[in-house]
């Protein structure tokens, strides 16, 4: 096993992690921005008001995208495991 293989495996792992986390994190960011804007407009500065909509939106997105997320994780895992005999 050489260094370039290790770097490629690490890069691929980081990329798949970002790809899987991005939809949920972007949803939380967008909903948080919208709630923050609404709080600024209404001058309601309660911290817990922003928490519930973000969690609900993130859970909904996770539920909707779960089949896609699982397919990407399985695809990555199968590729990684099937490549073991040829890499070592």
PDB file of N, CA and C in Angstrom:
ATOM      1  N   UNK A   1       0.852  -1.175   0.000  1.00  0.00           N
ATOM      2  CA  UNK A   1       0.000   0.000   0.000  1.00  0.00           C
ATOM      3  C   UNK A   1       0.896   1.236   0.000  1.00  0.00           C
ATOM      4  N   UNK A   2       0.680   2.103  -0.955  1.00  0.00           N
ATOM      5  CA  UNK A   2       1.492   3.308  -1.033  1.00  0.00           C
ATOM      6  C   UNK A   2       0.715   4.533  -0.552  1.00  0.00           C
ATOM      7  N   UNK A   3       1.423   5.629  -0.457  1.00  0.00           N
ATOM      8  CA  UNK A   3       0.834   6.848   0.119  1.00  0.00           C
ATOM      9  C   UNK A   3      -0.276   7.414  -0.756  1.00  0.00           C
ATOM     10  N   UNK A   4      -0.140   7.303  -2.075  1.00  0.00           N
ATOM     11  CA  UNK A   4      -1.169   7.868  -2.942  1.00  0.00           C
ATOM     12  C   UNK A   4      -2.504   7.136  -2.778  1.00  0.00           C
ATOM     13  N   UNK A   5      -2.471   5.842  -2.530  1.00  0.00           N
ATOM     14  CA  UNK A   5      -3.692   5.079  -2.295  1.00  0.00           C
ATOM     15  C   UNK A   5      -4.369   5.529  -1.003  1.00  0.00           C
ATOM     16  N   UNK A   6      -3.576   5.754   0.017  1.00  0.00           N
ATOM     17  CA  UNK A   6      -4.124   6.203   1.302  1.00  0.00           C
ATOM     18  C   UNK A   6      -4.745   7.597   1.159  1.00  0.00           C
ATOM     19  N   UNK A   7      -4.083   8.476   0.424  1.00  0.00           N
ATOM     20  CA  UNK A   7      -4.610   9.818   0.202  1.00  0.00           C
ATOM     21  C   UNK A   7      -5.912   9.746  -0.591  1.00  0.00           C
ATOM     22  N   UNK A   8      -5.950   8.896  -1.623  1.00  0.00           N
ATOM     23  CA  UNK A   8      -7.176   8.750  -2.414  1.00  0.00           C
ATOM     24  C   UNK A   8      -8.326   8.198  -1.582  1.00  0.00           C
ATOM     25  N   UNK A   9      -8.051   7.199  -0.742  1.00  0.00           N
ATOM     26  CA  UNK A   9      -9.098   6.648   0.124  1.00  0.00           C
ATOM     27  C   UNK A   9      -9.599   7.687   1.118  1.00  0.00           C
ATOM     28  N   UNK A  10      -8.694   8.472   1.678  1.00  0.00           N
ATOM     29  CA  UNK A  10      -9.085   9.523   2.614  1.00  0.00           C
ATOM     30  C   UNK A  10      -9.900  10.611   1.939  1.00  0.00           C
ATOM     31  N   UNK A  11      -9.473  10.996   0.731  1.00  0.00           N
ATOM     32  CA  UNK A  11     -10.195  12.023  -0.014  1.00  0.00           C
ATOM     33  C   UNK A  11     -11.602  11.538  -0.364  1.00  0.00           C
ATOM     34  N   UNK A  12     -11.710  10.293  -0.771  1.00  0.00           N
ATOM     35  CA  UNK A  12     -13.023   9.747  -1.111  1.00  0.00           C
ATOM     36  C   UNK A  12     -13.924   9.662   0.127  1.00  0.00           C
ATOM     37  N   UNK A  13     -13.361   9.288   1.273  1.00  0.00           N
ATOM     38  CA  UNK A  13     -14.145   9.208   2.503  1.00  0.00           C
ATOM     39  C   UNK A  13     -14.641  10.594   2.929  1.00  0.00           C
ATOM     40  N   UNK A  14     -13.782  11.596   2.822  1.00  0.00           N
ATOM     41  CA  UNK A  14     -14.190  12.959   3.177  1.00  0.00           C
ATOM     42  C   UNK A  14     -15.263  13.456   2.218  1.00  0.00           C
ATOM     43  N   UNK A  15     -15.100  13.169   0.929  1.00  0.00           N
ATOM     44  CA  UNK A  15     -16.076  13.621  -0.067  1.00  0.00           C
ATOM     45  C   UNK A  15     -17.445  12.987   0.181  1.00  0.00           C
ATOM     46  N   UNK A  16     -17.481  11.678   0.444  1.00  0.00           N
ATOM     47  CA  UNK A  16     -18.769  11.022   0.673  1.00  0.00           C
ATOM     48  C   UNK A  16     -19.397  11.528   1.979  1.00  0.00           C
ATOM     49  N   UNK A  17     -18.588  11.810   2.978  1.00  0.00           N
ATOM     50  CA  UNK A  17     -19.113  12.383   4.222  1.00  0.00           C
ATOM     51  C   UNK A  17     -19.741  13.747   4.013  1.00  0.00           C
ATOM     52  N   UNK A  18     -19.077  14.590   3.230  1.00  0.00           N
ATOM     53  CA  UNK A  18     -19.636  15.908   2.915  1.00  0.00           C
ATOM     54  C   UNK A  18     -20.902  15.786   2.081  1.00  0.00           C
ATOM     55  N   UNK A  19     -20.894  14.873   1.129  1.00  0.00           N
ATOM     56  CA  UNK A  19     -22.057  14.670   0.272  1.00  0.00           C
ATOM     57  C   UNK A  19     -23.269  14.207   1.073  1.00  0.00           C
ATOM     58  N   UNK A  20     -23.049  13.353   2.059  1.00  0.00           N
ATOM     59  CA  UNK A  20     -24.159  12.846   2.868  1.00  0.00           C
ATOM     60  C   UNK A  20     -24.656  13.875   3.888  1.00  0.00           C
ATOM     61  N   UNK A  21     -23.762  14.695   4.388  1.00  0.00           N
ATOM     62  CA  UNK A  21     -24.147  15.660   5.424  1.00  0.00           C
ATOM     63  C   UNK A  21     -24.716  16.960   4.847  1.00  0.00           C
ATOM     64  N   UNK A  22     -24.369  17.274   3.609  1.00  0.00           N
ATOM     65  CA  UNK A  22     -24.723  18.572   3.028  1.00  0.00           C
ATOM     66  C   UNK A  22     -26.223  18.871   3.005  1.00  0.00           C
ATOM     67  N   UNK A  23     -27.095  17.955   2.565  1.00  0.00           N
ATOM     68  CA  UNK A  23     -28.516  18.327   2.507  1.00  0.00           C
ATOM     69  C   UNK A  23     -29.108  18.689   3.868  1.00  0.00           C
ATOM     70  N   UNK A  24     -28.750  17.939   4.891  1.00  0.00           N
ATOM     71  CA  UNK A  24     -29.292  18.199   6.227  1.00  0.00           C
ATOM     72  C   UNK A  24     -28.711  19.494   6.790  1.00  0.00           C
ATOM     73  N   UNK A  25     -27.417  19.694   6.619  1.00  0.00           N
ATOM     74  CA  UNK A  25     -26.795  20.909   7.140  1.00  0.00           C
ATOM     75  C   UNK A  25     -27.272  22.161   6.406  1.00  0.00           C
ATOM     76  N   UNK A  26     -27.433  22.065   5.101  1.00  0.00           N
ATOM     77  CA  UNK A  26     -27.945  23.211   4.348  1.00  0.00           C
ATOM     78  C   UNK A  26     -29.382  23.541   4.736  1.00  0.00           C
ATOM     79  N   UNK A  27     -30.185  22.512   4.974  1.00  0.00           N
ATOM     80  CA  UNK A  27     -31.553  22.744   5.439  1.00  0.00           C
ATOM     81  C   UNK A  27     -31.559  23.481   6.772  1.00  0.00           C
ATOM     82  N   UNK A  28     -30.736  23.025   7.692  1.00  0.00           N
ATOM     83  CA  UNK A  28     -30.643  23.695   8.989  1.00  0.00           C
ATOM     84  C   UNK A  28     -30.182  25.132   8.864  1.00  0.00           C
ATOM     85  N   UNK A  29     -29.244  25.371   7.963  1.00  0.00           N
ATOM     86  CA  UNK A  29     -28.745  26.718   7.773  1.00  0.00           C
ATOM     87  C   UNK A  29     -29.816  27.631   7.165  1.00  0.00           C
ATOM     88  N   UNK A  30     -30.530  27.136   6.160  1.00  0.00           N
ATOM     89  CA  UNK A  30     -31.559  27.952   5.508  1.00  0.00           C
ATOM     90  C   UNK A  30     -32.717  28.244   6.448  1.00  0.00           C
ATOM     91  N   UNK A  31     -33.176  27.227   7.167  1.00  0.00           N
ATOM     92  CA  UNK A  31     -34.279  27.436   8.113  1.00  0.00           C
ATOM     93  C   UNK A  31     -33.825  28.353   9.251  1.00  0.00           C
ATOM     94  N   UNK A  32     -32.608  28.175   9.728  1.00  0.00           N
ATOM     95  CA  UNK A  32     -32.083  29.050  10.773  1.00  0.00           C
ATOM     96  C   UNK A  32     -31.992  30.497  10.323  1.00  0.00           C
ATOM     97  N   UNK A  33     -31.582  30.698   9.072  1.00  0.00           N
ATOM     98  CA  UNK A  33     -31.515  32.053   8.533  1.00  0.00           C
ATOM     99  C   UNK A  33     -32.902  32.670   8.415  1.00  0.00           C
ATOM    100  N   UNK A  34     -33.867  31.882   7.947  1.00  0.00           N
ATOM    101  CA  UNK A  34     -35.236  32.393   7.813  1.00  0.00           C
ATOM    102  C   UNK A  34     -35.838  32.725   9.182  1.00  0.00           C
ATOM    103  N   UNK A  35     -35.642  31.848  10.149  1.00  0.00           N
ATOM    104  CA  UNK A  35     -36.178  32.096  11.493  1.00  0.00           C
ATOM    105  C   UNK A  35     -35.466  33.291  12.132  1.00  0.00           C
ATOM    106  N   UNK A  36     -34.169  33.398  11.924  1.00  0.00           N
ATOM    107  CA  UNK A  36     -33.426  34.544  12.452  1.00  0.00           C
ATOM    108  C   UNK A  36     -33.900  35.856  11.860  1.00  0.00           C
ATOM    109  N   UNK A  37     -34.176  35.837  10.555  1.00  0.00           N
ATOM    110  CA  UNK A  37     -34.701  37.038   9.906  1.00  0.00           C
ATOM    111  C   UNK A  37     -36.076  37.391  10.453  1.00  0.00           C
ATOM    112  N   UNK A  38     -36.922  36.375  10.625  1.00  0.00           N
ATOM    113  CA  UNK A  38     -38.249  36.602  11.184  1.00  0.00           C
ATOM    114  C   UNK A  38     -38.159  37.121  12.618  1.00  0.00           C
ATOM    115  N   UNK A  39     -37.224  36.589  13.395  1.00  0.00           N
ATOM    116  CA  UNK A  39     -37.046  37.081  14.766  1.00  0.00           C
ATOM    117  C   UNK A  39     -36.556  38.524  14.774  1.00  0.00           C
ATOM    118  N   UNK A  40     -35.685  38.861  13.842  1.00  0.00           N
ATOM    119  CA  UNK A  40     -35.190  40.240  13.788  1.00  0.00           C
ATOM    120  C   UNK A  40     -36.300  41.204  13.385  1.00  0.00           C
ATOM    121  N   UNK A  41     -37.157  40.744  12.479  1.00  0.00           N
ATOM    122  CA  UNK A  41     -38.258  41.616  12.047  1.00  0.00           C
ATOM    123  C   UNK A  41     -39.295  41.812  13.142  1.00  0.00           C
ATOM    124  N   UNK A  42     -39.553  40.783  13.923  1.00  0.00           N
ATOM    125  CA  UNK A  42     -40.573  40.877  14.970  1.00  0.00           C
ATOM    126  C   UNK A  42     -39.982  41.248  16.325  1.00  0.00           C
ATOM    127  N   UNK A  43     -38.689  41.333  16.418  1.00  0.00           N
ATOM    128  CA  UNK A  43     -37.960  41.648  17.643  1.00  0.00           C
ATOM    129  C   UNK A  43     -38.222  40.652  18.758  1.00  0.00           C
ATOM    130  N   UNK A  44     -38.454  39.395  18.382  1.00  0.00           N
ATOM    131  CA  UNK A  44     -38.573  38.315  19.357  1.00  0.00           C
ATOM    132  C   UNK A  44     -37.208  37.642  19.417  1.00  0.00           C
ATOM    133  N   UNK A  45     -36.497  37.827  20.507  1.00  0.00           N
ATOM    134  CA  UNK A  45     -35.129  37.323  20.598  1.00  0.00           C
ATOM    135  C   UNK A  45     -35.018  36.123  21.542  1.00  0.00           C
ATOM    136  N   UNK A  46     -35.910  35.194  21.392  1.00  0.00           N
ATOM    137  CA  UNK A  46     -35.884  33.982  22.211  1.00  0.00           C
ATOM    138  C   UNK A  46     -35.083  32.913  21.467  1.00  0.00           C
ATOM    139  N   UNK A  47     -34.083  32.352  22.106  1.00  0.00           N
ATOM    140  CA  UNK A  47     -33.197  31.384  21.463  1.00  0.00           C
ATOM    141  C   UNK A  47     -33.889  30.066  21.131  1.00  0.00           C
ATOM    142  N   UNK A  48     -34.848  29.664  21.939  1.00  0.00           N
ATOM    143  CA  UNK A  48     -35.502  28.375  21.723  1.00  0.00           C
ATOM    144  C   UNK A  48     -36.461  28.398  20.539  1.00  0.00           C
ATOM    145  N   UNK A  49     -36.879  29.569  20.087  1.00  0.00           N
ATOM    146  CA  UNK A  49     -37.796  29.664  18.958  1.00  0.00           C
ATOM    147  C   UNK A  49     -37.127  29.146  17.689  1.00  0.00           C
ATOM    148  N   UNK A  50     -35.858  29.375  17.516  1.00  0.00           N
ATOM    149  CA  UNK A  50     -35.151  28.949  16.312  1.00  0.00           C
ATOM    150  C   UNK A  50     -34.832  27.457  16.337  1.00  0.00           C
ATOM    151  N   UNK A  51     -34.788  26.857  17.486  1.00  0.00           N
ATOM    152  CA  UNK A  51     -34.351  25.466  17.615  1.00  0.00           C
ATOM    153  C   UNK A  51     -35.360  24.481  17.040  1.00  0.00           C
ATOM    154  N   UNK A  52     -36.612  24.614  17.390  1.00  0.00           N
ATOM    155  CA  UNK A  52     -37.630  23.635  16.990  1.00  0.00           C
ATOM    156  C   UNK A  52     -37.842  23.597  15.474  1.00  0.00           C
ATOM    157  N   UNK A  53     -38.001  24.728  14.778  1.00  0.00           N
ATOM    158  CA  UNK A  53     -38.173  24.642  13.325  1.00  0.00           C
ATOM    159  C   UNK A  53     -36.964  24.027  12.614  1.00  0.00           C
ATOM    160  N   UNK A  54     -35.757  24.329  13.101  1.00  0.00           N
ATOM    161  CA  UNK A  54     -34.565  23.744  12.477  1.00  0.00           C
ATOM    162  C   UNK A  54     -34.551  22.231  12.642  1.00  0.00           C
ATOM    163  N   UNK A  55     -34.841  21.751  13.840  1.00  0.00           N
ATOM    164  CA  UNK A  55     -34.837  20.312  14.088  1.00  0.00           C
ATOM    165  C   UNK A  55     -35.915  19.623  13.262  1.00  0.00           C
ATOM    166  N   UNK A  56     -37.102  20.199  13.209  1.00  0.00           N
ATOM    167  CA  UNK A  56     -38.196  19.590  12.441  1.00  0.00           C
ATOM    168  C   UNK A  56     -37.834  19.530  10.959  1.00  0.00           C
ATOM    169  N   UNK A  57     -37.308  20.619  10.416  1.00  0.00           N
ATOM    170  CA  UNK A  57     -36.943  20.643   8.999  1.00  0.00           C
ATOM    171  C   UNK A  57     -35.819  19.649   8.699  1.00  0.00           C
ATOM    172  N   UNK A  58     -34.846  19.561   9.582  1.00  0.00           N
ATOM    173  CA  UNK A  58     -33.735  18.639   9.364  1.00  0.00           C
ATOM    174  C   UNK A  58     -34.190  17.188   9.437  1.00  0.00           C
ATOM    175  N   UNK A  59     -35.097  16.875  10.347  1.00  0.00           N
ATOM    176  CA  UNK A  59     -35.626  15.511  10.441  1.00  0.00           C
ATOM    177  C   UNK A  59     -36.458  15.177   9.201  1.00  0.00           C
ATOM    178  N   UNK A  60     -37.243  16.124   8.720  1.00  0.00           N
ATOM    179  CA  UNK A  60     -38.028  15.895   7.506  1.00  0.00           C
ATOM    180  C   UNK A  60     -37.135  15.640   6.293  1.00  0.00           C
ATOM    181  N   UNK A  61     -36.092  16.445   6.145  1.00  0.00           N
ATOM    182  CA  UNK A  61     -35.173  16.253   5.018  1.00  0.00           C
ATOM    183  C   UNK A  61     -34.454  14.918   5.143  1.00  0.00           C
ATOM    184  N   UNK A  62     -34.058  14.575   6.355  1.00  0.00           N
ATOM    185  CA  UNK A  62     -33.396  13.282   6.558  1.00  0.00           C
ATOM    186  C   UNK A  62     -34.345  12.144   6.220  1.00  0.00           C
ATOM    187  N   UNK A  63     -35.595  12.256   6.596  1.00  0.00           N
ATOM    188  CA  UNK A  63     -36.569  11.215   6.284  1.00  0.00           C
ATOM    189  C   UNK A  63     -36.837  11.096   4.791  1.00  0.00           C
ATOM    190  N   UNK A  64     -36.910  12.242   4.116  1.00  0.00           N
ATOM    191  CA  UNK A  64     -37.161  12.219   2.678  1.00  0.00           C
ATOM    192  C   UNK A  64     -35.959  11.699   1.885  1.00  0.00           C
ATOM    193  N   UNK A  65     -34.764  12.042   2.321  1.00  0.00           N
ATOM    194  CA  UNK A  65     -33.562  11.661   1.585  1.00  0.00           C
ATOM    195  C   UNK A  65     -32.918  10.370   2.081  1.00  0.00           C
ATOM    196  N   UNK A  66     -33.529   9.716   3.042  1.00  0.00           N
ATOM    197  CA  UNK A  66     -32.918   8.513   3.605  1.00  0.00           C
ATOM    198  C   UNK A  66     -32.636   7.428   2.569  1.00  0.00           C
ATOM    199  N   UNK A  67     -33.541   7.135   1.640  1.00  0.00           N
ATOM    200  CA  UNK A  67     -33.199   6.117   0.628  1.00  0.00           C
ATOM    201  C   UNK A  67     -31.977   6.512  -0.218  1.00  0.00           C
ATOM    202  N   UNK A  68     -31.903   7.766  -0.598  1.00  0.00           N
ATOM    203  CA  UNK A  68     -30.759   8.230  -1.382  1.00  0.00           C
ATOM    204  C   UNK A  68     -29.471   8.163  -0.571  1.00  0.00           C
ATOM    205  N   UNK A  69     -29.539   8.599   0.694  1.00  0.00           N
ATOM    206  CA  UNK A  69     -28.362   8.568   1.555  1.00  0.00           C
ATOM    207  C   UNK A  69     -27.873   7.136   1.768  1.00  0.00           C
ATOM    208  N   UNK A  70     -28.793   6.222   2.017  1.00  0.00           N
ATOM    209  CA  UNK A  70     -28.412   4.828   2.203  1.00  0.00           C
ATOM    210  C   UNK A  70     -27.820   4.227   0.934  1.00  0.00           C
ATOM    211  N   UNK A  71     -28.376   4.589  -0.223  1.00  0.00           N
ATOM    212  CA  UNK A  71     -27.837   4.085  -1.488  1.00  0.00           C
ATOM    213  C   UNK A  71     -26.402   4.574  -1.695  1.00  0.00           C
ATOM    214  N   UNK A  72     -26.122   5.844  -1.380  1.00  0.00           N
ATOM    215  CA  UNK A  72     -24.756   6.364  -1.526  1.00  0.00           C
ATOM    216  C   UNK A  72     -23.801   5.668  -0.546  1.00  0.00           C
ATOM    217  N   UNK A  73     -24.248   5.445   0.695  1.00  0.00           N
ATOM    218  CA  UNK A  73     -23.392   4.773   1.678  1.00  0.00           C
ATOM    219  C   UNK A  73     -23.109   3.331   1.267  1.00  0.00           C
ATOM    220  N   UNK A  74     -24.133   2.635   0.777  1.00  0.00           N
ATOM    221  CA  UNK A  74     -23.935   1.257   0.324  1.00  0.00           C
ATOM    222  C   UNK A  74     -23.014   1.206  -0.888  1.00  0.00           C
ATOM    223  N   UNK A  75     -23.190   2.131  -1.807  1.00  0.00           N
ATOM    224  CA  UNK A  75     -22.340   2.194  -2.994  1.00  0.00           C
ATOM    225  C   UNK A  75     -20.879   2.405  -2.601  1.00  0.00           C
ATOM    226  N   UNK A  76     -20.639   3.327  -1.687  1.00  0.00           N
ATOM    227  CA  UNK A  76     -19.280   3.595  -1.223  1.00  0.00           C
ATOM    228  C   UNK A  76     -18.702   2.383  -0.496  1.00  0.00           C
ATOM    229  N   UNK A  77     -19.494   1.785   0.387  1.00  0.00           N
ATOM    230  CA  UNK A  77     -19.007   0.634   1.161  1.00  0.00           C
ATOM    231  C   UNK A  77     -18.714  -0.560   0.260  1.00  0.00           C
ATOM    232  N   UNK A  78     -19.598  -0.827  -0.702  1.00  0.00           N
ATOM    233  CA  UNK A  78     -19.369  -1.947  -1.614  1.00  0.00           C
ATOM    234  C   UNK A  78     -18.116  -1.726  -2.453  1.00  0.00           C
ATOM    235  N   UNK A  79     -17.919  -0.505  -2.921  1.00  0.00           N
ATOM    236  CA  UNK A  79     -16.714  -0.196  -3.691  1.00  0.00           C
ATOM    237  C   UNK A  79     -15.456  -0.334  -2.863  1.00  0.00           C
ATOM    238  N   UNK A  80     -15.523   0.090  -1.631  1.00  0.00           N
ATOM    239  CA  UNK A  80     -14.366   0.004  -0.744  1.00  0.00           C
ATOM    240  C   UNK A  80     -14.034  -1.444  -0.404  1.00  0.00           C
ATOM    241  N   UNK A  81     -15.069  -2.208  -0.056  1.00  0.00           N
ATOM    242  CA  UNK A  81     -14.844  -3.602   0.336  1.00  0.00           C
ATOM    243  C   UNK A  81     -14.445  -4.460  -0.866  1.00  0.00           C
ATOM    244  N   UNK A  82     -15.069  -4.232  -2.016  1.00  0.00           N
ATOM    245  CA  UNK A  82     -14.722  -5.038  -3.185  1.00  0.00           C
ATOM    246  C   UNK A  82     -13.328  -4.711  -3.713  1.00  0.00           C
ATOM    247  N   UNK A  83     -12.808  -3.540  -3.398  1.00  0.00           N
ATOM    248  CA  UNK A  83     -11.470  -3.167  -3.842  1.00  0.00           C
ATOM    249  C   UNK A  83     -10.361  -3.666  -2.950  1.00  0.00           C
ATOM    250  N   UNK A  84     -10.684  -4.275  -1.836  1.00  0.00           N
ATOM    251  CA  UNK A  84      -9.657  -4.739  -0.894  1.00  0.00           C
ATOM    252  C   UNK A  84      -8.709  -5.759  -1.524  1.00  0.00           C
ATOM    253  N   UNK A  85      -9.201  -6.798  -2.222  1.00  0.00           N
ATOM    254  CA  UNK A  85      -8.247  -7.781  -2.772  1.00  0.00           C
ATOM    255  C   UNK A  85      -7.276  -7.187  -3.782  1.00  0.00           C
ATOM    256  N   UNK A  86      -7.678  -6.232  -4.560  1.00  0.00           N
ATOM    257  CA  UNK A  86      -6.794  -5.651  -5.561  1.00  0.00           C
ATOM    258  C   UNK A  86      -5.835  -4.621  -5.024  1.00  0.00           C
ATOM    259  N   UNK A  87      -6.127  -4.050  -3.872  1.00  0.00           N
ATOM    260  CA  UNK A  87      -5.301  -2.969  -3.320  1.00  0.00           C
ATOM    261  C   UNK A  87      -4.191  -3.460  -2.408  1.00  0.00           C
ATOM    262  N   UNK A  88      -4.380  -4.606  -1.807  1.00  0.00           N
ATOM    263  CA  UNK A  88      -3.409  -5.048  -0.808  1.00  0.00           C
ATOM    264  C   UNK A  88      -2.634  -6.244  -1.299  1.00  0.00           C
TER     265      UNK A  88
END
